[in-house]
Protein backbone atom coordinates (compact mmCIF):
# COMPACT_ATOMS: atom_id res chain seq x y z
CA MET A 1 -0.48 -0.34 0.01
CA ASN A 2 2.89 2.89 0.57
CA ARG A 3 4.61 1.65 -2.76
CA ILE A 4 1.19 2.91 -4.10
CA ILE A 5 1.06 6.27 -2.20
CA ARG A 6 4.17 6.96 -2.69
CA SER A 7 3.78 6.10 -6.70
CA HIS A 8 0.18 8.23 -6.77
CA HIS A 9 3.14 11.55 -5.09
CA ARG A 10 5.28 10.75 -7.20
CA ALA A 11 3.01 11.31 -10.42
CA ARG A 12 0.91 14.34 -8.77
CA ALA A 13 4.87 16.21 -7.84
CA ALA A 14 6.11 15.47 -11.70
CA LEU A 15 3.41 17.08 -13.24
CA VAL A 16 2.31 19.78 -10.51
CA ALA A 17 6.64 20.45 -12.02
CA ALA A 18 5.25 20.13 -14.79
CA VAL A 19 2.78 23.11 -14.81
CA SER A 20 4.58 25.69 -12.49
CA ARG A 21 7.21 25.02 -15.51
CA ARG A 22 4.54 25.54 -18.85
CA ILE A 23 2.85 28.57 -16.58
CA ASP A 24 6.31 30.73 -15.48
CA GLY A 25 8.54 28.89 -18.68
CA PRO A 26 8.70 31.95 -21.60
CA ARG A 27 5.67 32.76 -23.38
CA ASP A 28 5.01 32.69 -26.99
CA ARG A 29 4.97 36.74 -28.03
CA GLY A 30 3.41 35.24 -30.81
CA ASP A 31 4.48 36.14 -34.49
CA VAL A 32 7.02 39.30 -35.02
CA PRO A 33 7.78 38.84 -38.99
CA GLY A 34 4.03 38.04 -39.74
CA TRP A 35 3.19 40.97 -37.96
CA VAL A 36 5.80 43.39 -39.41
CA LEU A 37 5.66 42.00 -43.24
CA ILE A 38 1.70 42.30 -42.42
CA THR A 39 2.08 46.66 -40.83
CA ILE A 40 4.46 47.52 -44.07
CA MET A 41 2.05 45.83 -46.60
CA THR A 42 -1.32 47.29 -45.42
CA ALA A 43 1.46 50.48 -45.56
CA GLY A 44 1.97 50.50 -49.32
CA LEU A 45 -1.77 49.20 -50.21
CA VAL A 46 -2.64 52.61 -48.72
CA THR A 47 0.03 54.42 -50.46
CA ALA A 48 -0.57 52.01 -53.37
CA LEU A 49 -4.69 54.03 -53.48
CA TRP A 50 -3.91 56.77 -52.24
CA ALA A 51 -0.79 57.90 -55.18
CA ILE A 52 -3.79 56.51 -57.89
CA ALA A 53 -6.89 57.94 -56.00
CA GLY A 54 -6.46 61.19 -53.74
CA PRO A 55 -6.86 63.79 -56.12
CA GLN A 56 -10.70 62.46 -57.15
CA LEU A 57 -10.47 62.07 -53.46
CA GLY A 58 -9.48 65.18 -53.00
CA GLU A 59 -12.15 67.28 -55.89
CA LEU A 60 -15.00 64.20 -54.08
CA PHE A 61 -14.03 66.01 -50.71
CA SER A 62 -13.73 69.66 -52.63
CA ASP A 63 -16.99 68.82 -53.89
CA ALA A 64 -19.05 67.55 -50.77
CA ILE A 65 -17.88 70.35 -48.55
CA SER A 66 -18.46 72.80 -50.86
CA ASP A 67 -22.65 71.50 -51.21
CA VAL A 68 -23.14 71.37 -47.36
CA LYS A 69 -24.90 74.77 -46.86
CA GLY A 70 -24.60 76.76 -44.05
CA PRO A 71 -27.73 78.83 -42.25
């Protein structure tokens, strides 16, 4: 019976140690190069769209502002 109790205590101690290593160990911080790539690609897309549609958007905004009538 004592062997079973000691075996149970060893198994429990091993489980607690494994869980504490997992909790206290280094955390996964994510895919940093992936986020950098997404940010750079988004900035590139915004710049490209702005270069292509900038004048039309500026004209659209000017027309909308000029159509607003105040009291």
